[in-house]
């Protein structure tokens, strides 16, 4: 009887070890690229080529809109033809380090290239000297934009690190990382 118990325990240990070894397949590391702290400001847009191929992926721009409230300098990130940004209705999502960037996001988050708003500077019509910053990205310090783009026919998932300098009225683009979407979700700011 004792031998049967030893045999059973050995089989359980062997099965557990085999199961663990199959589940520990390492995910590929993210590729990383410095964006050299490029600045985005009015009349100084930036086209970003995340992976260094011949296609640009995201266009950062500041556009002016004048209405009855005053002049709005709107910071926007536009996904170029084959790319998409992680957004929610009306704006690009500001991610913090470690937040999940999913292959398939939960509603109301979605991958698209149309909700491009980050933040804005408002110069009120009544008193243009009394400027006000508005939006989720105001004074952001090294936060992340989720990005999805194509290389050939293969979808990739990644992030762009950016800050908004309210003292200098600009956005600063720090770095980007990416890997094949088939490897699963990634985390903002992670390099593995």
N, C-alpha and C. Protein backbone atom coordinates (compact mmCIF):
# COMPACT_ATOMS: atom_id res chain seq x y z
N UNK A 1 0.82 -1.19 0.00
CA UNK A 1 0.00 0.00 0.00
C UNK A 1 0.87 1.26 0.00
N UNK A 2 1.93 1.21 0.80
CA UNK A 2 2.82 2.36 0.89
C UNK A 2 3.43 2.66 -0.49
N UNK A 3 3.80 1.64 -1.24
CA UNK A 3 4.36 1.83 -2.58
C UNK A 3 3.36 2.48 -3.52
N UNK A 4 2.09 2.13 -3.39
CA UNK A 4 1.04 2.75 -4.21
C UNK A 4 0.92 4.24 -3.91
N UNK A 5 1.01 4.59 -2.64
CA UNK A 5 0.92 6.01 -2.25
C UNK A 5 2.10 6.77 -2.83
N UNK A 6 3.32 6.18 -2.74
CA UNK A 6 4.51 6.82 -3.31
C UNK A 6 4.39 6.97 -4.83
N UNK A 7 3.88 5.95 -5.47
CA UNK A 7 3.70 5.99 -6.92
C UNK A 7 2.68 7.07 -7.30
N UNK A 8 1.57 7.13 -6.56
CA UNK A 8 0.55 8.15 -6.83
C UNK A 8 1.12 9.56 -6.63
N UNK A 9 1.87 9.78 -5.57
CA UNK A 9 2.47 11.09 -5.29
C UNK A 9 3.47 11.46 -6.38
N UNK A 10 4.23 10.51 -6.84
CA UNK A 10 5.20 10.77 -7.91
C UNK A 10 4.48 11.16 -9.20
N UNK A 11 3.38 10.48 -9.51
CA UNK A 11 2.60 10.80 -10.71
C UNK A 11 2.01 12.21 -10.63
N UNK A 12 1.49 12.58 -9.46
CA UNK A 12 0.93 13.92 -9.27
C UNK A 12 2.02 14.98 -9.44
N UNK A 13 3.18 14.77 -8.85
CA UNK A 13 4.29 15.71 -8.99
C UNK A 13 4.75 15.83 -10.44
N UNK A 14 4.83 14.72 -11.13
CA UNK A 14 5.24 14.73 -12.53
C UNK A 14 4.23 15.47 -13.39
N UNK A 15 2.96 15.23 -13.16
CA UNK A 15 1.91 15.91 -13.93
C UNK A 15 1.93 17.41 -13.65
N UNK A 16 2.12 17.80 -12.41
CA UNK A 16 2.19 19.23 -12.04
C UNK A 16 3.39 19.89 -12.70
N UNK A 17 4.51 19.24 -12.69
CA UNK A 17 5.73 19.80 -13.30
C UNK A 17 5.54 19.97 -14.80
N UNK A 18 4.93 19.00 -15.45
CA UNK A 18 4.69 19.10 -16.90
C UNK A 18 3.73 20.24 -17.21
N UNK A 19 2.69 20.39 -16.40
CA UNK A 19 1.71 21.45 -16.62
C UNK A 19 2.37 22.82 -16.46
N UNK A 20 3.19 23.00 -15.44
CA UNK A 20 3.87 24.27 -15.21
C UNK A 20 4.81 24.60 -16.36
N UNK A 21 5.53 23.62 -16.87
CA UNK A 21 6.48 23.90 -17.93
C UNK A 21 5.77 24.33 -19.21
N UNK A 22 4.57 23.84 -19.48
CA UNK A 22 3.83 24.25 -20.67
C UNK A 22 3.27 25.66 -20.53
N UNK A 23 2.90 26.09 -19.33
CA UNK A 23 2.29 27.40 -19.11
C UNK A 23 3.31 28.52 -18.97
N UNK A 24 4.57 28.21 -18.83
CA UNK A 24 5.59 29.24 -18.60
C UNK A 24 6.31 29.63 -19.89
N UNK A 25 5.64 29.55 -21.01
CA UNK A 25 6.25 29.98 -22.27
C UNK A 25 6.47 31.48 -22.19
N UNK A 26 7.71 31.93 -22.31
CA UNK A 26 7.96 33.36 -22.18
C UNK A 26 7.38 34.14 -23.36
N UNK A 27 6.80 35.30 -23.03
CA UNK A 27 6.29 36.19 -24.07
C UNK A 27 7.48 36.95 -24.66
N UNK A 28 7.38 37.29 -25.94
CA UNK A 28 8.49 38.05 -26.52
C UNK A 28 8.62 39.43 -25.87
N UNK A 29 9.85 39.90 -25.75
CA UNK A 29 10.08 41.22 -25.18
C UNK A 29 9.57 42.29 -26.14
N UNK A 30 9.21 43.42 -25.57
CA UNK A 30 8.79 44.54 -26.39
C UNK A 30 10.02 45.18 -27.03
N UNK A 31 9.87 45.61 -28.26
CA UNK A 31 10.91 46.41 -28.88
C UNK A 31 10.71 47.83 -28.40
N UNK A 32 11.79 48.59 -28.29
CA UNK A 32 11.73 49.93 -27.70
C UNK A 32 12.45 50.91 -28.60
N UNK A 33 11.95 52.15 -28.60
CA UNK A 33 12.57 53.20 -29.41
C UNK A 33 12.42 54.55 -28.72
N UNK A 34 13.50 55.31 -28.64
CA UNK A 34 13.43 56.67 -28.09
C UNK A 34 12.80 57.60 -29.12
N UNK A 35 11.95 58.49 -28.65
CA UNK A 35 11.38 59.51 -29.53
C UNK A 35 12.11 60.84 -29.34
N UNK A 36 13.20 60.80 -28.60
CA UNK A 36 14.14 61.91 -28.44
C UNK A 36 13.50 63.18 -27.89
N UNK A 37 12.50 63.02 -27.03
CA UNK A 37 11.81 64.15 -26.39
C UNK A 37 11.38 65.21 -27.40
N UNK A 38 10.81 64.74 -28.51
CA UNK A 38 10.31 65.66 -29.53
C UNK A 38 9.18 66.49 -28.94
N UNK A 39 9.16 67.76 -29.28
CA UNK A 39 8.13 68.66 -28.77
C UNK A 39 7.06 68.92 -29.81
N UNK A 40 5.81 68.94 -29.33
CA UNK A 40 4.65 69.25 -30.15
C UNK A 40 4.06 70.54 -29.61
N UNK A 41 3.93 71.54 -30.47
CA UNK A 41 3.32 72.81 -30.08
C UNK A 41 2.64 73.41 -31.30
N UNK A 42 1.98 74.53 -31.11
CA UNK A 42 1.31 75.18 -32.23
C UNK A 42 2.34 75.49 -33.32
N UNK A 43 2.02 75.12 -34.53
CA UNK A 43 2.87 75.26 -35.71
C UNK A 43 4.09 74.33 -35.72
N UNK A 44 4.16 73.40 -34.74
CA UNK A 44 5.25 72.41 -34.69
C UNK A 44 4.68 71.01 -34.43
N UNK A 45 3.97 70.45 -35.43
CA UNK A 45 3.44 69.09 -35.27
C UNK A 45 4.55 68.06 -35.39
N UNK A 46 4.25 66.82 -35.03
CA UNK A 46 5.23 65.72 -35.14
C UNK A 46 4.54 64.49 -35.72
N UNK A 47 5.14 63.92 -36.73
CA UNK A 47 4.74 62.62 -37.27
C UNK A 47 5.64 61.58 -36.62
N UNK A 48 5.05 60.57 -36.01
CA UNK A 48 5.83 59.55 -35.30
C UNK A 48 5.76 58.22 -36.05
N UNK A 49 6.92 57.67 -36.31
CA UNK A 49 7.07 56.36 -36.91
C UNK A 49 7.56 55.45 -35.78
N UNK A 50 6.65 54.76 -35.13
CA UNK A 50 6.96 54.00 -33.92
C UNK A 50 8.05 52.96 -34.15
N UNK A 51 7.89 52.14 -35.16
CA UNK A 51 8.78 51.00 -35.35
C UNK A 51 9.95 51.25 -36.31
N UNK A 52 10.07 52.45 -36.84
CA UNK A 52 11.21 52.78 -37.69
C UNK A 52 11.12 52.27 -39.12
N UNK A 53 9.93 51.79 -39.54
CA UNK A 53 9.80 51.37 -40.94
C UNK A 53 9.56 52.62 -41.80
N UNK A 54 8.99 52.45 -42.95
CA UNK A 54 8.80 53.59 -43.85
C UNK A 54 7.45 54.30 -43.66
N UNK A 55 6.61 53.79 -42.77
CA UNK A 55 5.27 54.37 -42.57
C UNK A 55 5.17 55.10 -41.24
N UNK A 56 4.56 56.28 -41.26
CA UNK A 56 4.27 56.99 -40.01
C UNK A 56 3.03 56.38 -39.37
N UNK A 57 2.98 56.40 -38.03
CA UNK A 57 1.89 55.76 -37.31
C UNK A 57 0.95 56.75 -36.61
N UNK A 58 1.50 57.81 -36.00
CA UNK A 58 0.68 58.76 -35.25
C UNK A 58 1.15 60.18 -35.55
N UNK A 59 0.18 61.08 -35.71
CA UNK A 59 0.45 62.49 -36.00
C UNK A 59 -0.01 63.31 -34.80
N UNK A 60 0.91 64.01 -34.16
CA UNK A 60 0.60 64.88 -33.01
C UNK A 60 0.56 66.32 -33.51
N UNK A 61 -0.50 67.04 -33.14
CA UNK A 61 -0.69 68.39 -33.65
C UNK A 61 -1.45 69.23 -32.62
N UNK A 62 -1.28 70.55 -32.71
CA UNK A 62 -2.07 71.50 -31.92
C UNK A 62 -2.83 72.36 -32.91
N UNK A 63 -4.14 72.31 -32.83
CA UNK A 63 -4.99 73.08 -33.74
C UNK A 63 -5.73 74.17 -32.98
N UNK A 64 -5.99 75.28 -33.67
CA UNK A 64 -6.72 76.40 -33.06
C UNK A 64 -8.17 76.38 -33.51
N UNK A 65 -9.06 76.60 -32.54
CA UNK A 65 -10.49 76.73 -32.81
C UNK A 65 -10.94 77.99 -32.11
N UNK A 66 -11.68 78.82 -32.82
CA UNK A 66 -12.19 80.08 -32.26
C UNK A 66 -13.71 79.99 -32.19
N UNK A 67 -14.26 80.19 -31.00
CA UNK A 67 -15.71 80.20 -30.84
C UNK A 67 -16.11 81.27 -29.84
N UNK A 68 -17.36 81.30 -29.43
CA UNK A 68 -17.84 82.35 -28.51
C UNK A 68 -17.16 82.29 -27.15
N UNK A 69 -16.66 81.12 -26.75
CA UNK A 69 -15.97 80.97 -25.47
C UNK A 69 -14.57 81.58 -25.52
N UNK A 70 -13.95 81.58 -26.69
CA UNK A 70 -12.61 82.11 -26.85
C UNK A 70 -11.82 81.30 -27.87
N UNK A 71 -10.50 81.32 -27.76
CA UNK A 71 -9.63 80.56 -28.64
C UNK A 71 -9.17 79.31 -27.90
N UNK A 72 -9.33 78.17 -28.55
CA UNK A 72 -8.93 76.89 -27.99
C UNK A 72 -7.72 76.39 -28.76
N UNK A 73 -6.63 76.11 -28.09
CA UNK A 73 -5.47 75.44 -28.70
C UNK A 73 -5.58 73.98 -28.27
N UNK A 74 -6.07 73.13 -29.18
CA UNK A 74 -6.36 71.74 -28.87
C UNK A 74 -5.21 70.82 -29.26
N UNK A 75 -4.72 70.07 -28.29
CA UNK A 75 -3.68 69.05 -28.52
C UNK A 75 -4.39 67.76 -28.95
N UNK A 76 -3.92 67.19 -30.06
CA UNK A 76 -4.56 65.99 -30.59
C UNK A 76 -3.51 65.01 -31.07
N UNK A 77 -3.88 63.73 -31.03
CA UNK A 77 -3.05 62.65 -31.58
C UNK A 77 -3.93 61.93 -32.59
N UNK A 78 -3.51 61.93 -33.83
CA UNK A 78 -4.30 61.31 -34.90
C UNK A 78 -3.60 60.04 -35.38
N UNK A 79 -4.34 58.95 -35.39
CA UNK A 79 -3.80 57.70 -35.90
C UNK A 79 -3.76 57.79 -37.42
N UNK A 80 -2.61 57.46 -37.98
CA UNK A 80 -2.45 57.47 -39.43
C UNK A 80 -2.99 56.16 -39.98
N UNK A 81 -3.49 56.18 -41.17
CA UNK A 81 -4.15 55.12 -41.92
C UNK A 81 -4.17 53.72 -41.31
N UNK A 82 -3.05 53.13 -40.99
CA UNK A 82 -2.97 51.73 -40.53
C UNK A 82 -2.84 51.60 -39.01
N UNK A 83 -3.04 52.70 -38.27
CA UNK A 83 -2.88 52.67 -36.81
C UNK A 83 -4.18 53.05 -36.11
N UNK A 84 -4.25 52.73 -34.81
CA UNK A 84 -5.40 53.10 -33.98
C UNK A 84 -4.88 53.46 -32.60
N UNK A 85 -5.64 54.29 -31.89
CA UNK A 85 -5.28 54.70 -30.53
C UNK A 85 -6.32 54.16 -29.56
N UNK A 86 -5.88 53.87 -28.33
CA UNK A 86 -6.81 53.43 -27.30
C UNK A 86 -7.54 54.66 -26.79
N UNK A 87 -8.85 54.67 -26.97
CA UNK A 87 -9.62 55.87 -26.62
C UNK A 87 -10.94 55.49 -25.96
N UNK A 88 -11.60 56.53 -25.52
CA UNK A 88 -12.95 56.42 -25.00
C UNK A 88 -13.72 57.53 -25.71
N UNK A 89 -15.03 57.58 -25.61
CA UNK A 89 -15.74 58.64 -26.31
C UNK A 89 -15.15 60.02 -25.98
N UNK A 90 -14.76 60.74 -27.01
CA UNK A 90 -14.27 62.12 -26.96
C UNK A 90 -12.81 62.31 -26.63
N UNK A 91 -12.04 61.28 -26.27
CA UNK A 91 -10.64 61.55 -25.96
C UNK A 91 -9.76 60.30 -25.98
N UNK A 92 -8.46 60.55 -26.14
CA UNK A 92 -7.45 59.51 -26.03
C UNK A 92 -7.24 59.23 -24.55
N UNK A 93 -7.15 57.97 -24.18
CA UNK A 93 -7.01 57.58 -22.77
C UNK A 93 -5.59 57.84 -22.29
N UNK A 94 -5.48 58.45 -21.12
CA UNK A 94 -4.19 58.68 -20.46
C UNK A 94 -3.95 57.50 -19.53
N UNK A 95 -2.95 56.69 -19.86
CA UNK A 95 -2.64 55.50 -19.07
C UNK A 95 -1.48 55.79 -18.13
N UNK A 96 -1.52 55.15 -16.96
CA UNK A 96 -0.41 55.25 -16.02
C UNK A 96 0.44 53.98 -16.15
N UNK A 97 1.67 54.04 -15.66
CA UNK A 97 2.59 52.91 -15.76
C UNK A 97 1.95 51.66 -15.15
N UNK A 98 2.02 50.58 -15.89
CA UNK A 98 1.49 49.30 -15.42
C UNK A 98 0.06 49.02 -15.83
N UNK A 99 -0.67 50.02 -16.32
CA UNK A 99 -2.05 49.80 -16.75
C UNK A 99 -2.07 48.90 -17.98
N UNK A 100 -3.07 48.04 -18.06
CA UNK A 100 -3.17 47.09 -19.16
C UNK A 100 -3.56 47.80 -20.46
N UNK A 101 -2.85 47.46 -21.52
CA UNK A 101 -3.23 47.87 -22.88
C UNK A 101 -3.70 46.58 -23.54
N UNK A 102 -5.03 46.42 -23.67
CA UNK A 102 -5.58 45.15 -24.12
C UNK A 102 -5.65 45.02 -25.64
N UNK A 103 -5.55 43.79 -26.11
CA UNK A 103 -5.77 43.53 -27.53
C UNK A 103 -7.22 43.88 -27.87
N UNK A 104 -8.14 43.46 -27.01
CA UNK A 104 -9.56 43.79 -27.17
C UNK A 104 -10.01 44.51 -25.91
N UNK A 105 -10.22 45.86 -25.98
CA UNK A 105 -10.57 46.62 -24.78
C UNK A 105 -12.03 46.45 -24.37
N UNK A 106 -12.27 46.67 -23.07
CA UNK A 106 -13.63 46.64 -22.54
C UNK A 106 -14.32 47.96 -22.86
N UNK A 107 -15.61 47.89 -23.19
CA UNK A 107 -16.42 49.07 -23.47
C UNK A 107 -16.44 49.96 -22.22
N UNK A 108 -16.31 51.27 -22.29
CA UNK A 108 -16.39 52.12 -23.48
C UNK A 108 -15.05 52.38 -24.14
N UNK A 109 -14.00 51.73 -23.69
CA UNK A 109 -12.70 51.89 -24.35
C UNK A 109 -12.73 51.14 -25.68
N UNK A 110 -12.02 51.70 -26.67
CA UNK A 110 -11.98 51.06 -27.98
C UNK A 110 -10.75 51.51 -28.75
N UNK A 111 -10.42 50.75 -29.79
CA UNK A 111 -9.33 51.12 -30.68
C UNK A 111 -9.92 51.89 -31.85
N UNK A 112 -9.52 53.16 -32.01
CA UNK A 112 -9.95 53.91 -33.18
C UNK A 112 -9.01 55.08 -33.44
N UNK A 113 -9.22 55.75 -34.54
CA UNK A 113 -8.37 56.88 -34.91
C UNK A 113 -9.12 58.18 -34.93
N UNK A 114 -10.34 58.20 -34.37
CA UNK A 114 -11.18 59.39 -34.50
C UNK A 114 -11.29 60.22 -33.23
N UNK A 115 -11.28 59.60 -32.06
CA UNK A 115 -11.33 60.36 -30.81
C UNK A 115 -9.90 60.74 -30.44
N UNK A 116 -9.48 61.92 -30.85
CA UNK A 116 -8.07 62.28 -30.82
C UNK A 116 -7.70 63.31 -29.76
N UNK A 117 -8.66 63.84 -29.03
CA UNK A 117 -8.44 64.93 -28.09
C UNK A 117 -7.61 64.49 -26.89
N UNK A 118 -6.61 65.31 -26.54
CA UNK A 118 -5.79 65.06 -25.35
C UNK A 118 -6.07 66.12 -24.28
N UNK A 119 -5.85 67.38 -24.63
CA UNK A 119 -6.12 68.49 -23.73
C UNK A 119 -6.12 69.78 -24.54
N UNK A 120 -6.40 70.91 -23.87
CA UNK A 120 -6.43 72.18 -24.58
C UNK A 120 -6.08 73.34 -23.67
N UNK A 121 -5.66 74.42 -24.32
CA UNK A 121 -5.46 75.70 -23.63
C UNK A 121 -6.60 76.59 -24.10
N UNK A 122 -7.33 77.18 -23.16
CA UNK A 122 -8.41 78.10 -23.52
C UNK A 122 -7.97 79.52 -23.20
N UNK A 123 -8.04 80.38 -24.20
CA UNK A 123 -7.83 81.82 -24.02
C UNK A 123 -9.22 82.45 -24.09
N UNK A 124 -9.83 82.76 -22.94
CA UNK A 124 -11.21 83.23 -22.93
C UNK A 124 -11.40 84.52 -23.73
N UNK A 125 -12.55 84.62 -24.40
CA UNK A 125 -12.85 85.80 -25.22
C UNK A 125 -12.88 87.06 -24.37
N UNK A 126 -13.41 86.96 -23.15
CA UNK A 126 -13.52 88.14 -22.28
C UNK A 126 -12.19 88.61 -21.73
N UNK A 127 -11.24 87.69 -21.51
CA UNK A 127 -9.95 88.05 -20.95
C UNK A 127 -8.90 87.06 -21.44
N UNK A 128 -8.33 87.27 -22.65
CA UNK A 128 -7.39 86.32 -23.23
C UNK A 128 -6.15 86.05 -22.37
N UNK A 129 -5.80 86.95 -21.47
CA UNK A 129 -4.63 86.74 -20.62
C UNK A 129 -4.90 85.70 -19.53
N UNK A 130 -6.17 85.40 -19.27
CA UNK A 130 -6.56 84.45 -18.23
C UNK A 130 -6.69 83.04 -18.82
N UNK A 131 -5.57 82.46 -19.23
CA UNK A 131 -5.61 81.15 -19.89
C UNK A 131 -5.92 80.03 -18.90
N UNK A 132 -6.58 79.01 -19.41
CA UNK A 132 -6.97 77.85 -18.62
C UNK A 132 -6.64 76.58 -19.39
N UNK A 133 -6.07 75.60 -18.71
CA UNK A 133 -5.83 74.28 -19.29
C UNK A 133 -6.98 73.37 -18.93
N UNK A 134 -7.43 72.53 -19.89
CA UNK A 134 -8.51 71.58 -19.65
C UNK A 134 -8.19 70.25 -20.33
N UNK A 135 -8.72 69.18 -19.78
CA UNK A 135 -8.58 67.86 -20.39
C UNK A 135 -7.72 66.93 -19.56
N UNK A 136 -7.88 65.63 -19.80
CA UNK A 136 -7.21 64.59 -19.01
C UNK A 136 -5.69 64.66 -19.08
N UNK A 137 -5.15 65.14 -20.17
CA UNK A 137 -3.70 65.15 -20.35
C UNK A 137 -3.03 66.41 -19.80
N UNK A 138 -3.78 67.34 -19.21
CA UNK A 138 -3.20 68.56 -18.67
C UNK A 138 -2.14 68.21 -17.62
N UNK A 139 -0.94 68.75 -17.78
CA UNK A 139 0.19 68.56 -16.86
C UNK A 139 0.57 67.08 -16.68
N UNK A 140 0.26 66.24 -17.65
CA UNK A 140 0.64 64.82 -17.58
C UNK A 140 2.16 64.70 -17.55
N UNK A 141 2.65 63.82 -16.68
CA UNK A 141 4.09 63.60 -16.57
C UNK A 141 4.39 62.14 -16.87
N UNK A 142 4.95 61.89 -18.04
CA UNK A 142 5.31 60.54 -18.50
C UNK A 142 4.14 59.56 -18.35
N UNK A 143 3.06 59.89 -19.02
CA UNK A 143 1.90 58.99 -19.11
C UNK A 143 1.96 58.30 -20.47
N UNK A 144 0.98 57.42 -20.75
CA UNK A 144 1.09 56.54 -21.90
C UNK A 144 -0.17 56.56 -22.77
N UNK A 145 0.07 56.45 -24.08
CA UNK A 145 -0.99 56.32 -25.08
C UNK A 145 -0.89 54.91 -25.62
N UNK A 146 -2.01 54.17 -25.59
CA UNK A 146 -2.04 52.84 -26.18
C UNK A 146 -2.15 52.96 -27.69
N UNK A 147 -1.34 52.17 -28.41
CA UNK A 147 -1.31 52.24 -29.87
C UNK A 147 -1.40 50.83 -30.45
N UNK A 148 -2.14 50.72 -31.53
CA UNK A 148 -2.22 49.48 -32.29
C UNK A 148 -1.90 49.84 -33.74
N UNK A 149 -1.00 49.10 -34.40
CA UNK A 149 -0.66 49.43 -35.78
C UNK A 149 -0.27 48.15 -36.52
N UNK A 150 -0.11 48.26 -37.81
CA UNK A 150 0.20 47.11 -38.64
C UNK A 150 1.62 47.22 -39.19
N UNK A 151 2.30 46.08 -39.26
CA UNK A 151 3.55 45.95 -40.00
C UNK A 151 3.26 44.85 -41.01
N UNK A 152 3.13 45.22 -42.25
CA UNK A 152 2.67 44.26 -43.26
C UNK A 152 1.25 43.87 -42.95
N UNK A 153 1.01 42.58 -42.79
CA UNK A 153 -0.33 42.09 -42.43
C UNK A 153 -0.44 41.70 -40.96
N UNK A 154 0.59 42.01 -40.18
CA UNK A 154 0.65 41.60 -38.77
C UNK A 154 0.29 42.77 -37.85
N UNK A 155 -0.74 42.62 -36.97
CA UNK A 155 -1.06 43.69 -36.02
C UNK A 155 -0.08 43.71 -34.84
N UNK A 156 0.28 44.91 -34.41
CA UNK A 156 1.16 45.13 -33.27
C UNK A 156 0.45 45.98 -32.23
N UNK A 157 0.87 45.82 -30.98
CA UNK A 157 0.31 46.55 -29.86
C UNK A 157 1.46 47.25 -29.16
N UNK A 158 1.25 48.51 -28.76
CA UNK A 158 2.33 49.23 -28.12
C UNK A 158 1.87 50.44 -27.33
N UNK A 159 2.84 51.26 -26.92
CA UNK A 159 2.54 52.48 -26.18
C UNK A 159 3.52 53.57 -26.57
N UNK A 160 3.08 54.81 -26.35
CA UNK A 160 3.92 55.99 -26.52
C UNK A 160 3.91 56.73 -25.19
N UNK A 161 5.08 57.07 -24.68
CA UNK A 161 5.20 57.83 -23.43
C UNK A 161 5.25 59.32 -23.78
N UNK A 162 4.43 60.13 -23.06
CA UNK A 162 4.36 61.56 -23.35
C UNK A 162 4.09 62.36 -22.09
N UNK A 163 4.48 63.63 -22.13
CA UNK A 163 4.20 64.59 -21.05
C UNK A 163 3.62 65.85 -21.67
N UNK A 164 2.91 66.64 -20.86
CA UNK A 164 2.41 67.94 -21.29
C UNK A 164 3.02 68.99 -20.36
N UNK A 165 3.78 69.91 -20.94
CA UNK A 165 4.43 70.98 -20.19
C UNK A 165 3.56 72.23 -20.30
N UNK A 166 2.78 72.51 -19.24
CA UNK A 166 1.87 73.66 -19.28
C UNK A 166 2.61 74.99 -19.19
N UNK A 167 3.81 75.00 -18.65
CA UNK A 167 4.58 76.25 -18.56
C UNK A 167 5.10 76.67 -19.94
N UNK A 168 5.39 75.67 -20.80
CA UNK A 168 5.93 75.97 -22.13
C UNK A 168 4.91 75.73 -23.24
N UNK A 169 3.67 75.38 -22.88
CA UNK A 169 2.59 75.14 -23.85
C UNK A 169 2.97 74.11 -24.91
N UNK A 170 3.50 72.96 -24.47
CA UNK A 170 3.88 71.93 -25.44
C UNK A 170 3.68 70.54 -24.86
N UNK A 171 3.69 69.57 -25.77
CA UNK A 171 3.67 68.16 -25.40
C UNK A 171 5.04 67.61 -25.75
N UNK A 172 5.55 66.69 -24.94
CA UNK A 172 6.87 66.11 -25.15
C UNK A 172 6.69 64.60 -25.35
N UNK A 173 7.24 64.08 -26.43
CA UNK A 173 7.14 62.66 -26.77
C UNK A 173 8.45 61.97 -26.39
N UNK A 174 8.40 61.04 -25.43
CA UNK A 174 9.60 60.46 -24.86
C UNK A 174 10.08 59.18 -25.56
N UNK A 175 9.23 58.15 -25.55
CA UNK A 175 9.65 56.87 -26.11
C UNK A 175 8.44 56.03 -26.49
N UNK A 176 8.71 54.94 -27.18
CA UNK A 176 7.65 54.02 -27.59
C UNK A 176 8.15 52.58 -27.45
N UNK A 177 7.21 51.65 -27.28
CA UNK A 177 7.53 50.22 -27.23
C UNK A 177 6.38 49.46 -27.88
N UNK A 178 6.67 48.28 -28.44
CA UNK A 178 5.66 47.52 -29.16
C UNK A 178 6.09 46.05 -29.30
N UNK A 179 5.09 45.20 -29.59
CA UNK A 179 5.33 43.81 -29.96
C UNK A 179 4.08 43.30 -30.68
N UNK A 180 4.18 42.09 -31.23
CA UNK A 180 3.06 41.51 -31.97
C UNK A 180 1.84 41.38 -31.05
N UNK A 181 0.67 41.74 -31.57
CA UNK A 181 -0.57 41.63 -30.80
C UNK A 181 -0.89 40.18 -30.47
N UNK A 182 -0.41 39.25 -31.27
CA UNK A 182 -0.66 37.83 -31.01
C UNK A 182 -0.04 37.36 -29.70
N UNK A 183 0.92 38.12 -29.14
CA UNK A 183 1.53 37.77 -27.86
C UNK A 183 0.65 38.17 -26.68
N UNK A 184 -0.45 38.89 -26.93
CA UNK A 184 -1.39 39.25 -25.87
C UNK A 184 -1.24 40.66 -25.37
N UNK A 185 -1.98 40.97 -24.33
CA UNK A 185 -1.99 42.30 -23.73
C UNK A 185 -0.58 42.72 -23.29
N UNK A 186 -0.37 44.03 -23.23
CA UNK A 186 0.88 44.56 -22.69
C UNK A 186 0.52 45.55 -21.58
N UNK A 187 1.51 46.03 -20.87
CA UNK A 187 1.31 47.01 -19.81
C UNK A 187 2.04 48.30 -20.15
N UNK A 188 1.38 49.42 -19.91
CA UNK A 188 1.97 50.73 -20.20
C UNK A 188 3.29 50.89 -19.46
N UNK A 189 4.31 51.28 -20.18
CA UNK A 189 5.62 51.53 -19.58
C UNK A 189 6.50 50.32 -19.44
N UNK A 190 5.93 49.11 -19.59
CA UNK A 190 6.74 47.89 -19.45
C UNK A 190 7.59 47.68 -20.69
N UNK A 191 8.71 47.03 -20.51
CA UNK A 191 9.61 46.70 -21.62
C UNK A 191 9.72 45.20 -21.81
N UNK A 192 9.02 44.42 -21.03
CA UNK A 192 9.05 42.96 -21.17
C UNK A 192 7.67 42.43 -21.43
